[in-house]
Protein backbone atom coordinates (compact mmCIF):
# COMPACT_ATOMS: atom_id res chain seq x y z
CA UNK A 1 17.29 24.97 7.89
CA UNK A 2 17.70 28.14 5.84
CA UNK A 3 17.49 30.79 8.50
CA UNK A 4 18.77 34.02 9.90
CA UNK A 5 20.35 34.04 13.37
CA UNK A 6 18.90 36.72 15.57
CA UNK A 7 20.77 38.61 18.26
CA UNK A 8 20.25 36.63 21.43
CA UNK A 9 18.66 39.54 23.29
CA UNK A 10 15.89 39.97 20.69
CA UNK A 11 13.77 37.20 22.16
CA UNK A 12 13.33 36.41 25.83
CA UNK A 13 14.29 33.16 27.47
CA UNK A 14 17.27 32.06 25.40
CA UNK A 15 19.42 31.21 28.42
CA UNK A 16 18.59 27.64 29.33
CA UNK A 17 18.06 27.03 33.07
CA UNK A 18 21.00 25.28 34.71
CA UNK A 19 23.32 25.89 31.76
CA UNK A 20 25.99 28.51 31.24
CA UNK A 21 25.59 28.13 27.49
CA UNK A 22 23.49 30.71 25.66
CA UNK A 23 21.33 28.95 23.07
CA UNK A 24 20.97 31.15 20.00
CA UNK A 25 17.56 31.80 18.50
CA UNK A 26 17.32 31.26 14.74
CA UNK A 27 14.55 32.73 12.62
CA UNK A 28 13.09 30.56 9.86
CA UNK A 29 13.11 32.14 6.42
CA UNK A 30 10.45 29.88 4.90
CA UNK A 31 8.03 30.16 7.84
CA UNK A 32 8.31 33.85 8.75
CA UNK A 33 5.24 35.54 7.28
CA UNK A 34 5.11 39.33 7.34
CA UNK A 35 1.43 39.27 8.32
CA UNK A 36 1.83 36.47 10.86
CA UNK A 37 0.28 37.10 14.27
CA UNK A 38 2.04 34.63 16.54
CA UNK A 39 5.68 33.63 17.15
CA UNK A 40 6.35 29.96 17.85
CA UNK A 41 9.62 28.89 19.44
CA UNK A 42 10.97 25.33 19.50
CA UNK A 43 12.97 23.39 22.05
CA UNK A 44 16.77 23.63 21.75
CA UNK A 45 17.90 21.03 19.21
CA UNK A 46 20.76 20.20 16.91
CA UNK A 47 24.51 20.39 17.40
CA UNK A 48 25.31 23.04 18.37
CA UNK A 49 21.82 23.55 19.79
CA UNK A 50 19.52 26.30 18.54
CA UNK A 51 15.97 27.39 19.24
CA UNK A 52 14.06 28.00 16.04
CA UNK A 53 11.34 30.64 15.81
CA UNK A 54 8.49 30.85 13.32
CA UNK A 55 6.11 33.73 12.58
CA UNK A 56 2.85 32.14 11.54
CA UNK A 57 -0.91 32.66 11.74
CA UNK A 58 -3.16 31.62 14.59
CA UNK A 59 -5.97 31.14 12.06
CA UNK A 60 -3.94 28.54 10.11
CA UNK A 61 -3.00 26.71 13.28
CA UNK A 62 -6.65 26.73 14.39
CA UNK A 63 -7.93 25.62 10.99
CA UNK A 64 -5.82 22.48 10.92
CA UNK A 65 -5.28 21.62 14.59
CA UNK A 66 -8.08 21.11 17.09
CA UNK A 67 -5.67 21.67 19.97
CA UNK A 68 -4.83 25.18 18.76
CA UNK A 69 -8.43 25.92 17.82
CA UNK A 70 -9.43 25.31 21.43
CA UNK A 71 -6.62 27.57 22.64
CA UNK A 72 -7.33 30.48 20.33
CA UNK A 73 -11.12 30.61 20.20
CA UNK A 74 -13.10 33.53 21.63
CA UNK A 75 -12.16 34.81 25.10
CA UNK A 76 -9.42 32.18 25.38
CA UNK A 77 -7.54 33.91 22.57
CA UNK A 78 -7.59 37.21 24.42
CA UNK A 79 -6.43 35.54 27.61
CA UNK A 80 -3.64 33.76 25.73
CA UNK A 81 -2.40 37.02 24.19
CA UNK A 82 -2.55 38.88 27.48
CA UNK A 83 -0.69 36.16 29.37
CA UNK A 84 2.06 35.54 26.82
CA UNK A 85 5.55 36.87 26.41
CA UNK A 86 5.74 39.15 23.38
CA UNK A 87 8.14 39.85 20.56
CA UNK A 88 7.44 42.50 17.88
CA UNK A 89 4.17 43.06 19.78
CA UNK A 90 3.12 39.49 18.96
CA UNK A 91 2.47 36.68 21.46
CA UNK A 92 5.38 34.26 21.81
CA UNK A 93 4.44 30.59 22.33
CA UNK A 94 6.98 27.94 23.32
CA UNK A 95 6.26 24.45 21.98
CA UNK A 96 8.21 21.56 23.56
CA UNK A 97 9.12 20.09 20.19
CA UNK A 98 12.26 19.52 18.15
CA UNK A 99 13.08 22.38 15.76
CA UNK A 100 13.24 20.18 12.64
CA UNK A 101 10.06 18.29 13.52
CA UNK A 102 8.29 21.58 14.12
CA UNK A 103 9.54 23.04 10.85
CA UNK A 104 8.31 20.06 8.84
CA UNK A 105 4.99 20.05 10.68
CA UNK A 106 4.30 23.75 10.12
CA UNK A 107 5.24 23.38 6.45
CA UNK A 108 2.74 20.52 6.22
CA UNK A 109 0.01 22.78 7.61
CA UNK A 110 0.73 25.49 5.05
CA UNK A 111 1.78 23.38 2.07
CA UNK A 112 -0.12 20.10 2.04
CA UNK A 113 1.12 19.33 -1.46
CA UNK A 114 4.56 18.63 -0.03
CA UNK A 115 3.15 15.57 1.71
CA UNK A 116 2.00 14.14 -1.60
CA UNK A 117 5.43 14.07 -3.22
CA UNK A 118 5.98 10.60 -1.79
CA UNK A 119 2.43 9.40 -2.50
CA UNK A 120 2.14 10.77 -6.04
CA UNK A 121 4.42 8.13 -7.58
CA UNK A 122 3.10 4.62 -8.31
CA UNK A 123 2.94 2.60 -5.14
CA UNK A 124 5.12 -0.23 -6.42
CA UNK A 125 7.90 2.33 -7.00
CA UNK A 126 7.55 3.60 -3.44
CA UNK A 127 8.18 0.12 -2.09
CA UNK A 128 11.89 0.40 -2.75
CA UNK A 129 12.13 3.94 -1.35
CA UNK A 130 12.34 4.54 2.41
CA UNK A 131 9.50 6.36 4.12
CA UNK A 132 10.60 10.04 4.02
CA UNK A 133 12.62 10.88 7.16
CA UNK A 134 10.46 13.94 7.88
CA UNK A 135 7.24 11.91 8.14
CA UNK A 136 7.70 10.47 11.66
CA UNK A 137 8.14 13.93 13.19
CA UNK A 138 5.17 15.31 11.27
CA UNK A 139 3.04 12.33 12.28
CA UNK A 140 4.03 12.74 15.93
CA UNK A 141 3.03 16.42 16.00
CA UNK A 142 -0.09 15.87 13.88
CA UNK A 143 -1.21 13.31 16.45
CA UNK A 144 -0.18 15.49 19.40
CA UNK A 145 -1.95 18.64 18.18
CA UNK A 146 -4.83 16.81 16.48
CA UNK A 147 -4.09 17.92 12.91
CA UNK A 148 -6.47 15.31 11.51
CA UNK A 149 -6.03 16.08 7.80
CA UNK A 150 -2.25 15.93 7.94
CA UNK A 151 -2.37 12.76 10.03
CA UNK A 152 -4.82 11.17 7.59
CA UNK A 153 -2.51 11.79 4.62
CA UNK A 154 0.44 10.13 6.37
CA UNK A 155 -1.59 7.27 7.82
CA UNK A 156 -3.05 6.54 4.38
CA UNK A 157 0.45 6.55 2.89
CA UNK A 158 1.73 4.10 5.51
CA UNK A 159 -1.30 1.83 5.21
CA UNK A 160 -0.99 1.79 1.42
CA UNK A 161 2.67 0.84 1.70
CA UNK A 162 1.90 -1.90 4.24
CA UNK A 163 -1.54 -3.19 3.20
CA UNK A 164 -3.90 -5.08 5.46
CA UNK A 165 -5.43 -7.10 2.60
CA UNK A 166 -3.65 -9.85 0.68
CA UNK A 167 -5.28 -8.74 -2.58
CA UNK A 168 -3.74 -5.27 -2.21
CA UNK A 169 -0.31 -6.77 -1.49
CA UNK A 170 -0.54 -9.07 -4.52
CA UNK A 171 -1.72 -6.22 -6.71
CA UNK A 172 1.32 -4.11 -5.86
CA UNK A 173 3.69 -7.03 -6.26
CA UNK A 174 2.26 -7.72 -9.69
CA UNK A 175 3.00 -4.11 -10.61
CA UNK A 176 6.71 -4.40 -9.93
CA UNK A 177 8.80 -3.98 -13.06
CA UNK A 178 10.08 -7.49 -13.69
CA UNK A 179 11.58 -8.76 -16.91
CA UNK A 180 9.18 -10.78 -19.01
CA UNK A 181 11.45 -13.82 -19.03
CA UNK A 182 11.93 -13.91 -15.25
CA UNK A 183 10.69 -17.19 -13.81
CA UNK A 184 8.70 -17.77 -10.62
CA UNK A 185 10.44 -16.33 -7.57
CA UNK A 186 10.37 -17.64 -4.01
CA UNK A 187 11.14 -14.08 -2.84
CA UNK A 188 8.40 -11.48 -3.08
CA UNK A 189 9.17 -7.76 -3.23
CA UNK A 190 8.53 -5.96 0.05
CA UNK A 191 8.54 -2.28 1.03
CA UNK A 192 11.62 -0.78 2.66
CA UNK A 193 12.11 -0.33 6.40
CA UNK A 194 9.69 -2.78 8.06
CA UNK A 195 11.28 -2.01 11.44
CA UNK A 196 10.50 1.69 11.11
CA UNK A 197 6.97 0.86 9.94
CA UNK A 198 6.44 -1.20 13.10
CA UNK A 199 7.70 1.68 15.23
CA UNK A 200 5.43 4.24 13.55
CA UNK A 201 2.37 1.98 13.55
CA UNK A 202 2.84 1.13 17.24
CA UNK A 203 3.61 4.64 18.45
CA UNK A 204 0.82 6.31 16.49
CA UNK A 205 -1.93 3.69 16.70
CA UNK A 206 -2.02 2.41 13.11
CA UNK A 207 -2.62 -1.30 13.84
CA UNK A 208 -3.50 -2.35 10.27
CA UNK A 209 0.15 -1.85 9.28
CA UNK A 210 1.60 -4.23 11.85
CA UNK A 211 0.82 -7.78 10.57
CA UNK A 212 2.47 -7.33 7.19
CA UNK A 213 5.36 -5.26 8.58
CA UNK A 214 6.15 -7.97 11.14
CA UNK A 215 5.89 -10.62 8.42
CA UNK A 216 8.33 -8.71 6.20
CA UNK A 217 10.88 -8.46 8.99
CA UNK A 218 10.33 -12.09 9.98
CA UNK A 219 11.02 -13.15 6.42
CA UNK A 220 14.41 -11.46 6.53
CA UNK A 221 15.58 -13.02 9.78
CA UNK A 222 14.22 -16.48 8.86
CA UNK A 223 16.00 -16.72 5.52
CA UNK A 224 19.47 -16.68 3.97
CA UNK A 225 18.89 -12.94 3.40
CA UNK A 226 19.61 -12.12 7.05
CA UNK A 227 22.67 -10.20 5.89
CA UNK A 228 20.39 -7.89 3.88
CA UNK A 229 18.77 -6.39 6.98
CA UNK A 230 19.73 -2.74 6.99
CA UNK A 231 21.97 -1.49 9.79
CA UNK A 232 19.73 -0.31 12.60
CA UNK A 233 16.62 -2.04 11.24
CA UNK A 234 16.06 -4.05 14.41
CA UNK A 235 16.92 -1.11 16.69
CA UNK A 236 13.50 0.37 15.91
CA UNK A 237 11.97 -2.45 17.98
CA UNK A 238 11.70 -2.64 21.75
CA UNK A 239 12.97 -5.78 23.55
CA UNK A 240 9.37 -7.01 23.83
CA UNK A 241 8.78 -6.45 20.12
CA UNK A 242 11.96 -8.34 19.27
CA UNK A 243 10.68 -11.22 21.37
CA UNK A 244 7.35 -11.11 19.53
CA UNK A 245 9.23 -11.18 16.23
CA UNK A 246 11.38 -14.17 17.14
CA UNK A 247 8.42 -16.16 18.49
CA UNK A 248 6.43 -15.17 15.42
CA UNK A 249 9.05 -16.63 13.07
CA UNK A 250 8.66 -20.01 14.76
CA UNK A 251 4.86 -19.83 14.90
CA UNK A 252 4.71 -18.83 11.25
CA UNK A 253 6.37 -22.11 10.34
CA UNK A 254 3.89 -23.99 12.54
CA UNK A 255 0.91 -22.25 10.89
CA UNK A 256 2.28 -22.93 7.41
CA UNK A 257 2.74 -26.63 8.15
CA UNK A 258 -0.73 -26.76 9.68
CA UNK A 259 -2.35 -25.22 6.61
CA UNK A 260 -0.50 -27.51 4.20
CA UNK A 261 -0.34 -30.54 6.48
CA UNK A 262 -1.91 -33.01 4.09
CA UNK A 263 -3.42 -33.27 0.63
CA UNK A 264 -6.74 -34.50 1.95
CA UNK A 265 -9.49 -33.01 -0.17
CA UNK A 266 -7.15 -31.92 -2.92
CA UNK A 267 -8.57 -34.56 -5.25
CA UNK A 268 -12.22 -33.96 -4.40
CA UNK A 269 -12.91 -32.81 -7.96
CA UNK A 270 -11.03 -35.69 -9.60
CA UNK A 271 -13.06 -37.39 -12.29
CA UNK A 272 -10.88 -40.48 -12.64
CA UNK A 273 -11.95 -43.84 -11.31
CA UNK A 274 -10.92 -44.47 -7.71
CA UNK A 275 -8.38 -47.16 -6.91
CA UNK A 276 -7.90 -49.09 -3.68
CA UNK A 277 -4.95 -47.92 -1.55
CA UNK A 278 -3.54 -50.54 0.83
CA UNK A 279 -1.97 -47.93 3.14
CA UNK A 280 -5.11 -45.84 3.39
CA UNK A 281 -7.29 -48.95 3.37
CA UNK A 282 -9.75 -47.07 1.21
CA UNK A 283 -10.51 -46.14 -2.36
CA UNK A 284 -8.62 -43.00 -3.36
CA UNK A 285 -8.00 -40.90 -6.44
CA UNK A 286 -5.05 -42.11 -8.53
CA UNK A 287 -3.73 -38.51 -8.26
CA UNK A 288 -3.49 -38.65 -4.45
CA UNK A 289 -0.05 -40.26 -4.12
CA UNK A 290 1.60 -37.99 -6.70
CA UNK A 291 0.23 -34.88 -5.00
CA UNK A 292 1.53 -36.03 -1.61
CA UNK A 293 5.03 -36.58 -2.98
CA UNK A 294 4.98 -33.21 -4.74
CA UNK A 295 3.95 -31.33 -1.59
CA UNK A 296 6.72 -33.01 0.40
CA UNK A 297 9.29 -31.79 -2.12
CA UNK A 298 7.86 -28.27 -2.05
CA UNK A 299 8.06 -28.13 1.76
CA UNK A 300 11.83 -28.46 1.52
CA UNK A 301 11.93 -25.38 -0.70
CA UNK A 302 9.73 -23.40 1.72
CA UNK A 303 12.15 -24.14 4.55
CA UNK A 304 14.93 -22.50 2.54
CA UNK A 305 13.11 -19.40 1.34
CA UNK A 306 11.53 -18.27 4.64
CA UNK A 307 8.64 -16.65 2.76
CA UNK A 308 5.61 -18.96 2.89
CA UNK A 309 3.31 -16.50 1.09
CA UNK A 310 5.68 -16.45 -1.89
CA UNK A 311 6.16 -20.20 -1.61
CA UNK A 312 2.41 -20.87 -1.84
CA UNK A 313 2.14 -18.49 -4.78
CA UNK A 314 4.94 -20.28 -6.64
CA UNK A 315 3.36 -23.64 -5.82
CA UNK A 316 0.22 -22.51 -7.61
CA UNK A 317 2.32 -21.89 -10.73
CA UNK A 318 4.33 -25.10 -10.54
CA UNK A 319 1.40 -27.38 -9.81
CA UNK A 320 0.33 -27.30 -13.45
CA UNK A 321 3.43 -29.36 -14.27
CA UNK A 322 2.96 -32.14 -11.70
CA UNK A 323 3.39 -35.53 -13.30
CA UNK A 324 0.79 -38.26 -12.95
CA UNK A 325 -1.93 -35.82 -11.87
CA UNK A 326 -4.98 -35.17 -14.00
CA UNK A 327 -5.79 -31.75 -15.41
CA UNK A 328 -8.90 -31.40 -13.26
CA UNK A 329 -6.92 -31.88 -10.03
CA UNK A 330 -4.14 -29.54 -11.16
CA UNK A 331 -6.60 -26.74 -11.91
CA UNK A 332 -8.48 -27.28 -8.63
CA UNK A 333 -5.26 -27.24 -6.58
CA UNK A 334 -4.12 -24.08 -8.32
CA UNK A 335 -7.33 -22.04 -8.28
CA UNK A 336 -8.90 -23.23 -5.06
CA UNK A 337 -6.66 -25.15 -2.66
CA UNK A 338 -3.52 -22.98 -2.76
CA UNK A 339 -5.42 -19.69 -3.07
CA UNK A 340 -7.38 -20.62 0.05
CA UNK A 341 -4.16 -21.64 1.82
CA UNK A 342 -2.55 -18.23 1.18
CA UNK A 343 -5.67 -16.42 2.36
CA UNK A 344 -5.77 -18.47 5.56
CA UNK A 345 -2.08 -17.90 6.22
CA UNK A 346 -2.45 -14.14 5.73
CA UNK A 347 -5.35 -14.09 8.18
CA UNK A 348 -3.22 -15.84 10.83
CA UNK A 349 -0.54 -13.08 10.82
CA UNK A 350 -2.13 -10.94 13.58
CA UNK A 351 -2.28 -13.96 15.90
CA UNK A 352 1.19 -15.19 14.87
CA UNK A 353 2.73 -11.89 15.96
CA UNK A 354 0.65 -11.48 19.11
CA UNK A 355 -1.44 -8.62 17.77
CA UNK A 356 -4.79 -10.29 18.52
CA UNK A 357 -5.93 -13.20 20.60
CA UNK A 358 -6.26 -16.44 18.69
CA UNK A 359 -9.92 -17.19 18.05
């Protein structure tokens, strides 16, 4: 924080109760307006600890935060001023918040454009960049003081980065800059920091973010890429959330196998003459046996990659090369069967990770 340290006697209350240490008060340069009409003081924070003070406007606080609007309106404003400590003849208000969180939050109230720096770049570029470290503190205070516009900007950013719809996820993945000669990949690109996304979505009631964020983290721990989990990634989760994650990894495999448990119906559009199958004791499409063998081989690949959504997407590309299967069946499997399977798997994610009751 760029700031000027004030003499400790300039503001009241700098000696913390029960401590012999005098906590210095530091004045913010960027949030000290000459025409401000209220002084805000933070909790002691940092090492060594300081208490930051900001000279801002009650009108700005009221405009953006319902909590402050209720405090400063009409007769309540006069009562607040009369009952407050004062500095420079202005009311002094203590807020029980971290100095850095408070600084970022007040800047967001005055300079909304700063919140759009992260959201102004194409979304597929943001996927590889961590959620800005200032956002959690801003989101916490925006929720606490009911700064709805600021909260909406950050919630929208988080929801865009962790979409609730499969079509939105696929659209962003298709926008990733991949070389034109790169073949099908069993590993989709995911946003950074799924553990932090889970923490933010849980703490600040953004449930739409959770299914995909849990899936992204589950993919990492269920695959050979376990070593790629960032240090501290899992520390964002509570013990109960870790349990949900581990159980979800197992249930995800169950749901995948259930969705692609057989090829029944895959040849329903086949236009070739049926042939009698001794094992099935029925007339079947001549494509049936080849499709069954192909799916069995693909299941082995899914077990290795740990990313069933990517696996089903790659299957839809590879199915056009299946031997001994007619063109009609290949097209139907690609455009209908596997597309429906991915959609159904995506829709199971809330139940897989215990976010809703199974219907």
